[in-house]
Structures are given as structure tokens and as C-alpha cells.
PDB file of all heavy atoms in Angstrom:
ATOM      1  N   VAL A   1     -75.158  13.682 163.461  1.00  0.00           N
ATOM      2  CA  VAL A   1     -76.018  14.779 163.774  1.00  0.00           C
ATOM      3  C   VAL A   1     -75.317  15.768 164.667  1.00  0.00           C
ATOM      4  O   VAL A   1     -75.368  16.980 164.440  1.00  0.00           O
ATOM      5  CB  VAL A   1     -77.287  14.331 164.537  1.00  0.00           C
ATOM      6  CG1 VAL A   1     -78.064  15.487 165.100  1.00  0.00           C
ATOM      7  CG2 VAL A   1     -78.244  13.540 163.606  1.00  0.00           C
ATOM      8  N   VAL A   2     -74.487  15.303 165.609  1.00  0.00           N
ATOM      9  CA  VAL A   2     -73.691  16.231 166.534  1.00  0.00           C
ATOM     10  C   VAL A   2     -72.685  17.029 165.661  1.00  0.00           C
ATOM     11  O   VAL A   2     -72.563  18.276 165.837  1.00  0.00           O
ATOM     12  CB  VAL A   2     -73.060  15.479 167.568  1.00  0.00           C
ATOM     13  CG1 VAL A   2     -71.943  16.290 168.300  1.00  0.00           C
ATOM     14  CG2 VAL A   2     -74.066  15.000 168.619  1.00  0.00           C
ATOM     15  N   PHE A   3     -72.045  16.373 164.750  1.00  0.00           N
ATOM     16  CA  PHE A   3     -71.021  17.050 163.911  1.00  0.00           C
ATOM     17  C   PHE A   3     -71.707  18.004 162.915  1.00  0.00           C
ATOM     18  O   PHE A   3     -71.110  19.038 162.591  1.00  0.00           O
ATOM     19  CB  PHE A   3     -70.123  16.061 163.231  1.00  0.00           C
ATOM     20  CG  PHE A   3     -68.884  15.641 164.034  1.00  0.00           C
ATOM     21  CD1 PHE A   3     -69.074  14.540 164.914  1.00  0.00           C
ATOM     22  CD2 PHE A   3     -67.755  16.332 164.031  1.00  0.00           C
ATOM     23  CE1 PHE A   3     -68.002  14.094 165.704  1.00  0.00           C
ATOM     24  CE2 PHE A   3     -66.707  15.930 164.790  1.00  0.00           C
ATOM     25  CZ  PHE A   3     -66.803  14.893 165.670  1.00  0.00           C
ATOM     26  N   LEU A   4     -72.906  17.606 162.429  1.00  0.00           N
ATOM     27  CA  LEU A   4     -73.571  18.608 161.598  1.00  0.00           C
ATOM     28  C   LEU A   4     -73.976  19.820 162.333  1.00  0.00           C
ATOM     29  O   LEU A   4     -73.813  20.980 161.846  1.00  0.00           O
ATOM     30  CB  LEU A   4     -74.831  17.976 161.021  1.00  0.00           C
ATOM     31  CG  LEU A   4     -74.652  16.874 159.936  1.00  0.00           C
ATOM     32  CD1 LEU A   4     -76.031  16.187 159.608  1.00  0.00           C
ATOM     33  CD2 LEU A   4     -74.085  17.544 158.701  1.00  0.00           C
ATOM     34  N   TYR A   5     -74.307  19.696 163.616  1.00  0.00           N
ATOM     35  CA  TYR A   5     -74.586  20.838 164.454  1.00  0.00           C
ATOM     36  C   TYR A   5     -73.369  21.633 164.711  1.00  0.00           C
ATOM     37  O   TYR A   5     -73.366  22.936 164.717  1.00  0.00           O
ATOM     38  CB  TYR A   5     -75.245  20.489 165.801  1.00  0.00           C
ATOM     39  CG  TYR A   5     -75.370  21.618 166.765  1.00  0.00           C
ATOM     40  CD1 TYR A   5     -76.423  22.510 166.570  1.00  0.00           C
ATOM     41  CD2 TYR A   5     -74.476  21.730 167.848  1.00  0.00           C
ATOM     42  CE1 TYR A   5     -76.517  23.565 167.491  1.00  0.00           C
ATOM     43  CE2 TYR A   5     -74.598  22.793 168.677  1.00  0.00           C
ATOM     44  CZ  TYR A   5     -75.663  23.712 168.557  1.00  0.00           C
ATOM     45  OH  TYR A   5     -75.690  24.777 169.405  1.00  0.00           O
ATOM     46  N   ILE A   6     -72.176  21.019 164.927  1.00  0.00           N
ATOM     47  CA  ILE A   6     -70.939  21.649 165.292  1.00  0.00           C
ATOM     48  C   ILE A   6     -70.522  22.449 163.981  1.00  0.00           C
ATOM     49  O   ILE A   6     -70.161  23.710 164.146  1.00  0.00           O
ATOM     50  CB  ILE A   6     -69.901  20.667 165.579  1.00  0.00           C
ATOM     51  CG1 ILE A   6     -70.182  20.073 167.003  1.00  0.00           C
ATOM     52  CG2 ILE A   6     -68.488  21.393 165.651  1.00  0.00           C
ATOM     53  CD1 ILE A   6     -69.211  18.943 167.455  1.00  0.00           C
ATOM     54  N   PHE A   7     -70.663  21.912 162.835  1.00  0.00           N
ATOM     55  CA  PHE A   7     -70.343  22.660 161.640  1.00  0.00           C
ATOM     56  C   PHE A   7     -71.220  23.845 161.475  1.00  0.00           C
ATOM     57  O   PHE A   7     -70.787  24.942 161.031  1.00  0.00           O
ATOM     58  CB  PHE A   7     -70.365  21.724 160.373  1.00  0.00           C
ATOM     59  CG  PHE A   7     -69.122  20.959 160.132  1.00  0.00           C
ATOM     60  CD1 PHE A   7     -69.099  19.587 160.365  1.00  0.00           C
ATOM     61  CD2 PHE A   7     -67.945  21.610 159.600  1.00  0.00           C
ATOM     62  CE1 PHE A   7     -67.897  18.896 160.144  1.00  0.00           C
ATOM     63  CE2 PHE A   7     -66.854  20.928 159.353  1.00  0.00           C
ATOM     64  CZ  PHE A   7     -66.811  19.512 159.584  1.00  0.00           C
ATOM     65  N   TYR A   8     -72.460  23.618 161.739  1.00  0.00           N
ATOM     66  CA  TYR A   8     -73.444  24.749 161.555  1.00  0.00           C
ATOM     67  C   TYR A   8     -73.151  25.912 162.571  1.00  0.00           C
ATOM     68  O   TYR A   8     -73.314  27.083 162.296  1.00  0.00           O
ATOM     69  CB  TYR A   8     -74.838  24.263 161.725  1.00  0.00           C
ATOM     70  CG  TYR A   8     -75.870  25.298 161.449  1.00  0.00           C
ATOM     71  CD1 TYR A   8     -76.276  25.701 160.156  1.00  0.00           C
ATOM     72  CD2 TYR A   8     -76.543  26.009 162.537  1.00  0.00           C
ATOM     73  CE1 TYR A   8     -77.209  26.664 159.847  1.00  0.00           C
ATOM     74  CE2 TYR A   8     -77.428  26.963 162.309  1.00  0.00           C
ATOM     75  CZ  TYR A   8     -77.805  27.316 161.020  1.00  0.00           C
ATOM     76  OH  TYR A   8     -78.758  28.280 160.737  1.00  0.00           O
ATOM     77  N   HIS A   9     -72.732  25.523 163.748  1.00  0.00           N
ATOM     78  CA  HIS A   9     -72.376  26.481 164.788  1.00  0.00           C
ATOM     79  C   HIS A   9     -71.251  27.314 164.397  1.00  0.00           C
ATOM     80  O   HIS A   9     -71.160  28.535 164.642  1.00  0.00           O
ATOM     81  CB  HIS A   9     -72.197  25.763 166.135  1.00  0.00           C
ATOM     82  CG  HIS A   9     -71.827  26.681 167.251  1.00  0.00           C
ATOM     83  ND1 HIS A   9     -72.714  27.559 167.847  1.00  0.00           N
ATOM     84  CD2 HIS A   9     -70.657  26.877 167.882  1.00  0.00           C
ATOM     85  CE1 HIS A   9     -72.087  28.241 168.794  1.00  0.00           C
ATOM     86  NE2 HIS A   9     -70.860  27.880 168.874  1.00  0.00           N
ATOM     87  N   PHE A  10     -70.182  26.619 163.968  1.00  0.00           N
ATOM     88  CA  PHE A  10     -68.934  27.282 163.588  1.00  0.00           C
ATOM     89  C   PHE A  10     -68.998  28.067 162.249  1.00  0.00           C
ATOM     90  O   PHE A  10     -68.537  29.173 162.098  1.00  0.00           O
ATOM     91  CB  PHE A  10     -67.780  26.337 163.511  1.00  0.00           C
ATOM     92  CG  PHE A  10     -67.275  25.870 164.858  1.00  0.00           C
ATOM     93  CD1 PHE A  10     -66.730  24.597 165.051  1.00  0.00           C
ATOM     94  CD2 PHE A  10     -67.349  26.710 165.951  1.00  0.00           C
ATOM     95  CE1 PHE A  10     -66.253  24.176 166.301  1.00  0.00           C
ATOM     96  CE2 PHE A  10     -66.955  26.289 167.216  1.00  0.00           C
ATOM     97  CZ  PHE A  10     -66.344  25.064 167.336  1.00  0.00           C
ATOM     98  N   TYR A  11     -69.672  27.414 161.284  1.00  0.00           N
ATOM     99  CA  TYR A  11     -69.710  28.001 159.910  1.00  0.00           C
ATOM    100  C   TYR A  11     -71.242  28.047 159.539  1.00  0.00           C
ATOM    101  O   TYR A  11     -71.784  27.091 159.053  1.00  0.00           O
ATOM    102  CB  TYR A  11     -68.936  27.190 158.934  1.00  0.00           C
ATOM    103  CG  TYR A  11     -67.583  26.917 159.423  1.00  0.00           C
ATOM    104  CD1 TYR A  11     -67.203  25.690 159.901  1.00  0.00           C
ATOM    105  CD2 TYR A  11     -66.632  27.858 159.351  1.00  0.00           C
ATOM    106  CE1 TYR A  11     -65.923  25.415 160.406  1.00  0.00           C
ATOM    107  CE2 TYR A  11     -65.279  27.703 159.830  1.00  0.00           C
ATOM    108  CZ  TYR A  11     -64.984  26.428 160.326  1.00  0.00           C
ATOM    109  OH  TYR A  11     -63.777  26.226 160.786  1.00  0.00           O
ATOM    110  N   ARG A  12     -71.859  29.248 159.752  1.00  0.00           N
ATOM    111  CA  ARG A  12     -73.290  29.434 159.520  1.00  0.00           C
ATOM    112  C   ARG A  12     -73.736  29.019 158.183  1.00  0.00           C
ATOM    113  O   ARG A  12     -73.087  29.419 157.167  1.00  0.00           O
ATOM    114  CB  ARG A  12     -73.630  30.849 159.867  1.00  0.00           C
ATOM    115  CG  ARG A  12     -75.177  31.171 159.920  1.00  0.00           C
ATOM    116  CD  ARG A  12     -75.778  30.455 161.161  1.00  0.00           C
ATOM    117  NE  ARG A  12     -75.209  30.975 162.396  1.00  0.00           N
ATOM    118  CZ  ARG A  12     -75.537  30.470 163.561  1.00  0.00           C
ATOM    119  NH1 ARG A  12     -76.453  29.543 163.635  1.00  0.00           N
ATOM    120  NH2 ARG A  12     -74.984  30.939 164.714  1.00  0.00           N
ATOM    121  N   ASN A  13     -74.773  28.251 158.091  1.00  0.00           N
ATOM    122  CA  ASN A  13     -75.248  27.740 156.784  1.00  0.00           C
ATOM    123  C   ASN A  13     -74.213  26.800 156.034  1.00  0.00           C
ATOM    124  O   ASN A  13     -74.417  26.624 154.861  1.00  0.00           O
ATOM    125  CB  ASN A  13     -75.762  28.817 155.948  1.00  0.00           C
ATOM    126  CG  ASN A  13     -76.932  29.598 156.510  1.00  0.00           C
ATOM    127  OD1 ASN A  13     -77.812  28.999 157.199  1.00  0.00           O
ATOM    128  ND2 ASN A  13     -76.934  30.844 156.341  1.00  0.00           N
ATOM    129  N   TYR A  14     -73.188  26.388 156.740  1.00  0.00           N
ATOM    130  CA  TYR A  14     -72.151  25.520 156.146  1.00  0.00           C
ATOM    131  C   TYR A  14     -71.450  26.226 155.000  1.00  0.00           C
ATOM    132  O   TYR A  14     -70.834  25.520 154.138  1.00  0.00           O
ATOM    133  CB  TYR A  14     -72.734  24.239 155.594  1.00  0.00           C
ATOM    134  CG  TYR A  14     -73.578  23.492 156.711  1.00  0.00           C
ATOM    135  CD1 TYR A  14     -74.939  23.399 156.712  1.00  0.00           C
ATOM    136  CD2 TYR A  14     -72.868  22.855 157.802  1.00  0.00           C
ATOM    137  CE1 TYR A  14     -75.631  22.744 157.690  1.00  0.00           C
ATOM    138  CE2 TYR A  14     -73.555  22.159 158.784  1.00  0.00           C
ATOM    139  CZ  TYR A  14     -74.973  22.150 158.708  1.00  0.00           C
ATOM    140  OH  TYR A  14     -75.670  21.463 159.683  1.00  0.00           O
ATOM    141  N   THR A  15     -71.388  27.470 154.981  1.00  0.00           N
ATOM    142  CA  THR A  15     -70.793  28.228 153.831  1.00  0.00           C
ATOM    143  C   THR A  15     -69.672  29.174 154.327  1.00  0.00           C
ATOM    144  O   THR A  15     -69.718  29.597 155.552  1.00  0.00           O
ATOM    145  CB  THR A  15     -71.818  29.124 153.011  1.00  0.00           C
ATOM    146  OG1 THR A  15     -72.490  30.028 153.917  1.00  0.00           O
ATOM    147  CG2 THR A  15     -72.899  28.206 152.377  1.00  0.00           C
ATOM    148  N   LEU A  16     -68.742  29.442 153.497  1.00  0.00           N
ATOM    149  CA  LEU A  16     -67.652  30.334 153.839  1.00  0.00           C
ATOM    150  C   LEU A  16     -67.775  31.628 152.995  1.00  0.00           C
ATOM    151  O   LEU A  16     -67.963  31.481 151.769  1.00  0.00           O
ATOM    152  CB  LEU A  16     -66.261  29.713 153.502  1.00  0.00           C
ATOM    153  CG  LEU A  16     -65.916  28.443 154.324  1.00  0.00           C
ATOM    154  CD1 LEU A  16     -64.620  27.814 153.789  1.00  0.00           C
ATOM    155  CD2 LEU A  16     -65.923  28.751 155.778  1.00  0.00           C
ATOM    156  N   PRO A  17     -67.694  32.772 153.598  1.00  0.00           N
ATOM    157  CA  PRO A  17     -67.750  34.014 152.754  1.00  0.00           C
ATOM    158  C   PRO A  17     -66.474  34.256 152.025  1.00  0.00           C
ATOM    159  O   PRO A  17     -65.442  33.690 152.392  1.00  0.00           O
ATOM    160  CB  PRO A  17     -67.949  35.130 153.819  1.00  0.00           C
ATOM    161  CG  PRO A  17     -67.308  34.520 155.092  1.00  0.00           C
ATOM    162  CD  PRO A  17     -67.517  33.066 154.999  1.00  0.00           C
ATOM    163  N   ARG A  18     -66.512  35.054 151.007  1.00  0.00           N
ATOM    164  CA  ARG A  18     -65.318  35.416 150.270  1.00  0.00           C
ATOM    165  C   ARG A  18     -64.433  36.375 151.049  1.00  0.00           C
ATOM    166  O   ARG A  18     -63.255  36.284 150.980  1.00  0.00           O
ATOM    167  CB  ARG A  18     -65.710  36.055 148.883  1.00  0.00           C
ATOM    168  CG  ARG A  18     -66.470  35.043 147.959  1.00  0.00           C
ATOM    169  CD  ARG A  18     -66.807  35.756 146.690  1.00  0.00           C
ATOM    170  NE  ARG A  18     -67.611  34.832 145.830  1.00  0.00           N
ATOM    171  CZ  ARG A  18     -67.019  33.958 145.040  1.00  0.00           C
ATOM    172  NH1 ARG A  18     -65.735  33.833 144.923  1.00  0.00           N
ATOM    173  NH2 ARG A  18     -67.811  33.187 144.253  1.00  0.00           N
ATOM    174  N   VAL A  19     -65.126  37.253 151.777  1.00  0.00           N
ATOM    175  CA  VAL A  19     -64.351  38.327 152.576  1.00  0.00           C
ATOM    176  C   VAL A  19     -64.916  38.356 153.993  1.00  0.00           C
ATOM    177  O   VAL A  19     -66.160  38.268 154.116  1.00  0.00           O
ATOM    178  CB  VAL A  19     -64.442  39.769 151.881  1.00  0.00           C
ATOM    179  CG1 VAL A  19     -63.676  40.758 152.711  1.00  0.00           C
ATOM    180  CG2 VAL A  19     -64.046  39.702 150.450  1.00  0.00           C
ATOM    181  N   VAL A  20     -64.073  38.459 154.940  1.00  0.00           N
ATOM    182  CA  VAL A  20     -64.530  38.601 156.386  1.00  0.00           C
ATOM    183  C   VAL A  20     -63.857  39.863 156.885  1.00  0.00           C
ATOM    184  O   VAL A  20     -62.728  40.216 156.471  1.00  0.00           O
ATOM    185  CB  VAL A  20     -64.096  37.357 157.193  1.00  0.00           C
ATOM    186  CG1 VAL A  20     -64.963  36.149 156.798  1.00  0.00           C
ATOM    187  CG2 VAL A  20     -62.581  37.119 157.144  1.00  0.00           C
ATOM    188  N   LYS A  21     -64.573  40.589 157.721  1.00  0.00           N
ATOM    189  CA  LYS A  21     -64.092  41.801 158.307  1.00  0.00           C
ATOM    190  C   LYS A  21     -63.686  41.549 159.776  1.00  0.00           C
ATOM    191  O   LYS A  21     -64.430  40.974 160.528  1.00  0.00           O
ATOM    192  CB  LYS A  21     -65.173  42.919 158.290  1.00  0.00           C
ATOM    193  CG  LYS A  21     -65.494  43.309 156.857  1.00  0.00           C
ATOM    194  CD  LYS A  21     -66.444  44.488 156.797  1.00  0.00           C
ATOM    195  CE  LYS A  21     -66.698  44.955 155.383  1.00  0.00           C
ATOM    196  NZ  LYS A  21     -65.546  45.442 154.719  1.00  0.00           N
ATOM    197  N   CYS A  22     -62.445  41.935 160.031  1.00  0.00           N
ATOM    198  CA  CYS A  22     -61.899  41.557 161.371  1.00  0.00           C
ATOM    199  C   CYS A  22     -61.415  42.875 162.052  1.00  0.00           C
ATOM    200  O   CYS A  22     -60.718  43.748 161.414  1.00  0.00           O
ATOM    201  CB  CYS A  22     -60.738  40.595 161.206  1.00  0.00           C
ATOM    202  SG  CYS A  22     -59.998  40.107 162.789  1.00  0.00           S
ATOM    203  N   GLU A  23     -61.734  43.088 163.267  1.00  0.00           N
ATOM    204  CA  GLU A  23     -61.331  44.205 164.118  1.00  0.00           C
ATOM    205  C   GLU A  23     -60.701  43.835 165.425  1.00  0.00           C
ATOM    206  O   GLU A  23     -60.760  44.532 166.431  1.00  0.00           O
ATOM    207  CB  GLU A  23     -62.459  45.219 164.253  1.00  0.00           C
ATOM    208  CG  GLU A  23     -63.682  44.591 164.840  1.00  0.00           C
ATOM    209  CD  GLU A  23     -64.789  45.574 164.991  1.00  0.00           C
ATOM    210  OE1 GLU A  23     -64.566  46.797 164.924  1.00  0.00           O
ATOM    211  OE2 GLU A  23     -66.011  45.149 165.060  1.00  0.00           O
ATOM    212  N   LEU A  24     -60.260  42.576 165.530  1.00  0.00           N
ATOM    213  CA  LEU A  24     -59.630  42.094 166.781  1.00  0.00           C
ATOM    214  C   LEU A  24     -58.257  42.633 166.943  1.00  0.00           C
ATOM    215  O   LEU A  24     -57.491  42.884 165.997  1.00  0.00           O
ATOM    216  CB  LEU A  24     -59.562  40.556 166.799  1.00  0.00           C
ATOM    217  CG  LEU A  24     -60.948  39.907 166.670  1.00  0.00           C
ATOM    218  CD1 LEU A  24     -60.729  38.373 166.485  1.00  0.00           C
ATOM    219  CD2 LEU A  24     -61.784  40.097 167.865  1.00  0.00           C
ATOM    220  N   PRO A  25     -57.827  42.966 168.175  1.00  0.00           N
ATOM    221  CA  PRO A  25     -56.444  43.388 168.461  1.00  0.00           C
ATOM    222  C   PRO A  25     -55.513  42.186 168.148  1.00  0.00           C
ATOM    223  O   PRO A  25     -55.934  41.011 168.366  1.00  0.00           O
ATOM    224  CB  PRO A  25     -56.423  43.750 169.875  1.00  0.00           C
ATOM    225  CG  PRO A  25     -57.619  43.077 170.497  1.00  0.00           C
ATOM    226  CD  PRO A  25     -58.573  42.942 169.411  1.00  0.00           C
ATOM    227  N   PRO A  26     -54.390  42.454 167.553  1.00  0.00           N
ATOM    228  CA  PRO A  26     -53.641  43.715 167.313  1.00  0.00           C
ATOM    229  C   PRO A  26     -53.954  44.390 166.025  1.00  0.00           C
ATOM    230  O   PRO A  26     -53.045  45.188 165.615  1.00  0.00           O
ATOM    231  CB  PRO A  26     -52.218  43.225 167.414  1.00  0.00           C
ATOM    232  CG  PRO A  26     -52.171  41.873 166.831  1.00  0.00           C
ATOM    233  CD  PRO A  26     -53.449  41.264 167.159  1.00  0.00           C
ATOM    234  N   CYS A  27     -54.999  44.096 165.330  1.00  0.00           N
ATOM    235  CA  CYS A  27     -55.306  44.776 164.034  1.00  0.00           C
ATOM    236  C   CYS A  27     -55.548  46.302 164.291  1.00  0.00           C
ATOM    237  O   CYS A  27     -56.218  46.618 165.285  1.00  0.00           O
ATOM    238  CB  CYS A  27     -56.559  44.182 163.448  1.00  0.00           C
ATOM    239  SG  CYS A  27     -56.412  42.410 162.953  1.00  0.00           S
ATOM    240  N   PRO A  28     -54.965  47.187 163.551  1.00  0.00           N
ATOM    241  CA  PRO A  28     -54.999  48.624 163.803  1.00  0.00           C
ATOM    242  C   PRO A  28     -56.481  49.125 163.633  1.00  0.00           C
ATOM    243  O   PRO A  28     -56.831  50.166 164.265  1.00  0.00           O
ATOM    244  CB  PRO A  28     -54.062  49.274 162.809  1.00  0.00           C
ATOM    245  CG  PRO A  28     -53.980  48.222 161.691  1.00  0.00           C
ATOM    246  CD  PRO A  28     -54.181  46.859 162.360  1.00  0.00           C
ATOM    247  N   ASN A  29     -57.251  48.482 162.851  1.00  0.00           N
ATOM    248  CA  ASN A  29     -58.572  48.981 162.573  1.00  0.00           C
ATOM    249  C   ASN A  29     -59.363  47.790 161.902  1.00  0.00           C
ATOM    250  O   ASN A  29     -58.950  46.683 161.971  1.00  0.00           O
ATOM    251  CB  ASN A  29     -58.631  50.199 161.685  1.00  0.00           C
ATOM    252  CG  ASN A  29     -57.798  50.030 160.397  1.00  0.00           C
ATOM    253  OD1 ASN A  29     -57.763  48.965 159.787  1.00  0.00           O
ATOM    254  ND2 ASN A  29     -56.959  50.982 160.097  1.00  0.00           N
ATOM    255  N   VAL A  30     -60.536  48.111 161.370  1.00  0.00           N
ATOM    256  CA  VAL A  30     -61.312  47.037 160.696  1.00  0.00           C
ATOM    257  C   VAL A  30     -60.636  46.677 159.376  1.00  0.00           C
ATOM    258  O   VAL A  30     -60.404  47.545 158.519  1.00  0.00           O
ATOM    259  CB  VAL A  30     -62.771  47.435 160.426  1.00  0.00           C
ATOM    260  CG1 VAL A  30     -63.561  46.353 159.656  1.00  0.00           C
ATOM    261  CG2 VAL A  30     -63.472  47.804 161.659  1.00  0.00           C
ATOM    262  N   VAL A  31     -60.214  45.483 159.265  1.00  0.00           N
ATOM    263  CA  VAL A  31     -59.479  45.019 158.105  1.00  0.00           C
ATOM    264  C   VAL A  31     -60.235  43.945 157.309  1.00  0.00           C
ATOM    265  O   VAL A  31     -61.048  43.240 157.864  1.00  0.00           O
ATOM    266  CB  VAL A  31     -58.077  44.477 158.496  1.00  0.00           C
ATOM    267  CG1 VAL A  31     -57.187  45.545 159.134  1.00  0.00           C
ATOM    268  CG2 VAL A  31     -58.203  43.224 159.320  1.00  0.00           C
ATOM    269  N   ASP A  32     -60.041  43.887 156.012  1.00  0.00           N
ATOM    270  CA  ASP A  32     -60.595  42.943 155.195  1.00  0.00           C
ATOM    271  C   ASP A  32     -59.740  41.729 155.062  1.00  0.00           C
ATOM    272  O   ASP A  32     -58.570  41.895 154.710  1.00  0.00           O
ATOM    273  CB  ASP A  32     -61.027  43.435 153.841  1.00  0.00           C
ATOM    274  CG  ASP A  32     -62.129  44.529 153.931  1.00  0.00           C
ATOM    275  OD1 ASP A  32     -62.988  44.407 154.777  1.00  0.00           O
ATOM    276  OD2 ASP A  32     -62.181  45.389 152.986  1.00  0.00           O
ATOM    277  N   CYS A  33     -60.268  40.512 155.262  1.00  0.00           N
ATOM    278  CA  CYS A  33     -59.437  39.307 155.134  1.00  0.00           C
ATOM    279  C   CYS A  33     -60.082  38.411 154.092  1.00  0.00           C
ATOM    280  O   CYS A  33     -61.323  38.296 154.014  1.00  0.00           O
ATOM    281  CB  CYS A  33     -59.315  38.535 156.445  1.00  0.00           C
ATOM    282  SG  CYS A  33     -58.405  39.433 157.728  1.00  0.00           S
ATOM    283  N   PHE A  34     -59.293  37.854 153.189  1.00  0.00           N
ATOM    284  CA  PHE A  34     -59.818  37.062 152.059  1.00  0.00           C
ATOM    285  C   PHE A  34     -59.450  35.591 152.216  1.00  0.00           C
ATOM    286  O   PHE A  34     -58.373  35.241 152.489  1.00  0.00           O
ATOM    287  CB  PHE A  34     -59.167  37.605 150.809  1.00  0.00           C
ATOM    288  CG  PHE A  34     -59.441  39.086 150.545  1.00  0.00           C
ATOM    289  CD1 PHE A  34     -58.510  40.057 151.105  1.00  0.00           C
ATOM    290  CD2 PHE A  34     -60.545  39.545 149.934  1.00  0.00           C
ATOM    291  CE1 PHE A  34     -58.749  41.373 150.873  1.00  0.00           C
ATOM    292  CE2 PHE A  34     -60.799  40.825 149.776  1.00  0.00           C
ATOM    293  CZ  PHE A  34     -59.907  41.808 150.216  1.00  0.00           C
ATOM    294  N   ILE A  35     -60.503  34.781 152.013  1.00  0.00           N
ATOM    295  CA  ILE A  35     -60.364  33.336 152.171  1.00  0.00           C
ATOM    296  C   ILE A  35     -59.870  32.709 150.839  1.00  0.00           C
ATOM    297  O   ILE A  35     -60.338  33.095 149.784  1.00  0.00           O
ATOM    298  CB  ILE A  35     -61.710  32.664 152.676  1.00  0.00           C
ATOM    299  CG1 ILE A  35     -62.069  33.295 154.059  1.00  0.00           C
ATOM    300  CG2 ILE A  35     -61.614  31.227 152.743  1.00  0.00           C
ATOM    301  CD1 ILE A  35     -63.502  32.934 154.449  1.00  0.00           C
ATOM    302  N   SER A  36     -59.020  31.774 150.945  1.00  0.00           N
ATOM    303  CA  SER A  36     -58.568  30.985 149.752  1.00  0.00           C
ATOM    304  C   SER A  36     -59.557  30.052 149.218  1.00  0.00           C
ATOM    305  O   SER A  36     -60.134  29.287 149.948  1.00  0.00           O
ATOM    306  CB  SER A  36     -57.248  30.305 150.081  1.00  0.00           C
ATOM    307  OG  SER A  36     -56.921  29.396 149.037  1.00  0.00           O
ATOM    308  N   ARG A  37     -59.912  30.133 147.958  1.00  0.00           N
ATOM    309  CA  ARG A  37     -60.736  29.288 147.209  1.00  0.00           C
ATOM    310  C   ARG A  37     -62.069  28.968 147.958  1.00  0.00           C
ATOM    311  O   ARG A  37     -62.419  27.833 148.235  1.00  0.00           O
ATOM    312  CB  ARG A  37     -60.113  27.977 146.892  1.00  0.00           C
ATOM    313  CG  ARG A  37     -58.872  28.138 146.024  1.00  0.00           C
ATOM    314  CD  ARG A  37     -58.340  26.780 145.534  1.00  0.00           C
ATOM    315  NE  ARG A  37     -57.614  26.127 146.642  1.00  0.00           N
ATOM    316  CZ  ARG A  37     -56.969  25.064 146.505  1.00  0.00           C
ATOM    317  NH1 ARG A  37     -56.888  24.398 145.297  1.00  0.00           N
ATOM    318  NH2 ARG A  37     -56.297  24.464 147.423  1.00  0.00           N
ATOM    319  N   PRO A  38     -62.902  29.997 148.314  1.00  0.00           N
ATOM    320  CA  PRO A  38     -64.122  29.792 149.067  1.00  0.00           C
ATOM    321  C   PRO A  38     -65.150  29.006 148.276  1.00  0.00           C
ATOM    322  O   PRO A  38     -65.907  28.213 148.877  1.00  0.00           O
ATOM    323  CB  PRO A  38     -64.623  31.207 149.368  1.00  0.00           C
ATOM    324  CG  PRO A  38     -64.067  32.095 148.318  1.00  0.00           C
ATOM    325  CD  PRO A  38     -62.699  31.445 147.996  1.00  0.00           C
ATOM    326  N   THR A  39     -65.302  29.190 147.023  1.00  0.00           N
ATOM    327  CA  THR A  39     -66.332  28.443 146.192  1.00  0.00           C
ATOM    328  C   THR A  39     -66.078  26.939 146.249  1.00  0.00           C
ATOM    329  O   THR A  39     -66.952  26.196 146.449  1.00  0.00           O
ATOM    330  CB  THR A  39     -66.329  28.961 144.716  1.00  0.00           C
ATOM    331  OG1 THR A  39     -66.613  30.388 144.766  1.00  0.00           O
ATOM    332  CG2 THR A  39     -67.417  28.215 143.945  1.00  0.00           C
ATOM    333  N   GLU A  40     -64.811  26.585 145.989  1.00  0.00           N
ATOM    334  CA  GLU A  40     -64.433  25.188 145.929  1.00  0.00           C
ATOM    335  C   GLU A  40     -64.630  24.544 147.325  1.00  0.00           C
ATOM    336  O   GLU A  40     -65.134  23.397 147.462  1.00  0.00           O
ATOM    337  CB  GLU A  40     -62.973  25.022 145.527  1.00  0.00           C
ATOM    338  CG  GLU A  40     -62.570  23.577 145.313  1.00  0.00           C
ATOM    339  CD  GLU A  40     -61.149  23.508 144.725  1.00  0.00           C
ATOM    340  OE1 GLU A  40     -60.405  24.537 144.695  1.00  0.00           O
ATOM    341  OE2 GLU A  40     -60.745  22.394 144.294  1.00  0.00           O
ATOM    342  N   LYS A  41     -64.277  25.283 148.399  1.00  0.00           N
ATOM    343  CA  LYS A  41     -64.545  24.745 149.704  1.00  0.00           C
ATOM    344  C   LYS A  41     -65.926  24.642 150.069  1.00  0.00           C
ATOM    345  O   LYS A  41     -66.396  23.633 150.810  1.00  0.00           O
ATOM    346  CB  LYS A  41     -63.794  25.664 150.706  1.00  0.00           C
ATOM    347  CG  LYS A  41     -62.253  25.614 150.605  1.00  0.00           C
ATOM    348  CD  LYS A  41     -61.587  26.619 151.669  1.00  0.00           C
ATOM    349  CE  LYS A  41     -60.093  26.454 151.481  1.00  0.00           C
ATOM    350  NZ  LYS A  41     -59.389  27.477 152.369  1.00  0.00           N
ATOM    351  N   ASN A  42     -66.761  25.595 149.643  1.00  0.00           N
ATOM    352  CA  ASN A  42     -68.249  25.494 149.868  1.00  0.00           C
ATOM    353  C   ASN A  42     -68.902  24.285 149.173  1.00  0.00           C
ATOM    354  O   ASN A  42     -69.725  23.575 149.730  1.00  0.00           O
ATOM    355  CB  ASN A  42     -68.911  26.784 149.356  1.00  0.00           C
ATOM    356  CG  ASN A  42     -68.688  27.838 150.384  1.00  0.00           C
ATOM    357  OD1 ASN A  42     -68.451  27.711 151.490  1.00  0.00           O
ATOM    358  ND2 ASN A  42     -68.728  29.081 149.753  1.00  0.00           N
TER     359      ASN A  42
END
């Protein structure tokens, strides 16, 4: 139960998106990042 909660907290609905938008430094602006094989991982 604890690990199910941890997974839900880190990865909402236990799913990985295909594209994530990141604007953290040192990124110059909002950049698109692509996850490898998201469907298989989900």
C-alpha cells in the first residue's frame, strides 16, 4: 500500500506522458522532452 501511494505521488495515475514540458534552469526556455517507449512502460 505504501509503495502504491509512492508511485501514485511520483507518477500521477501511474501513467507516463509521451511529452513533458520543462522550464527548469539551465533550460533557455520551455522545452519539450520526449520519454522513451511510454506505452510499453505504462
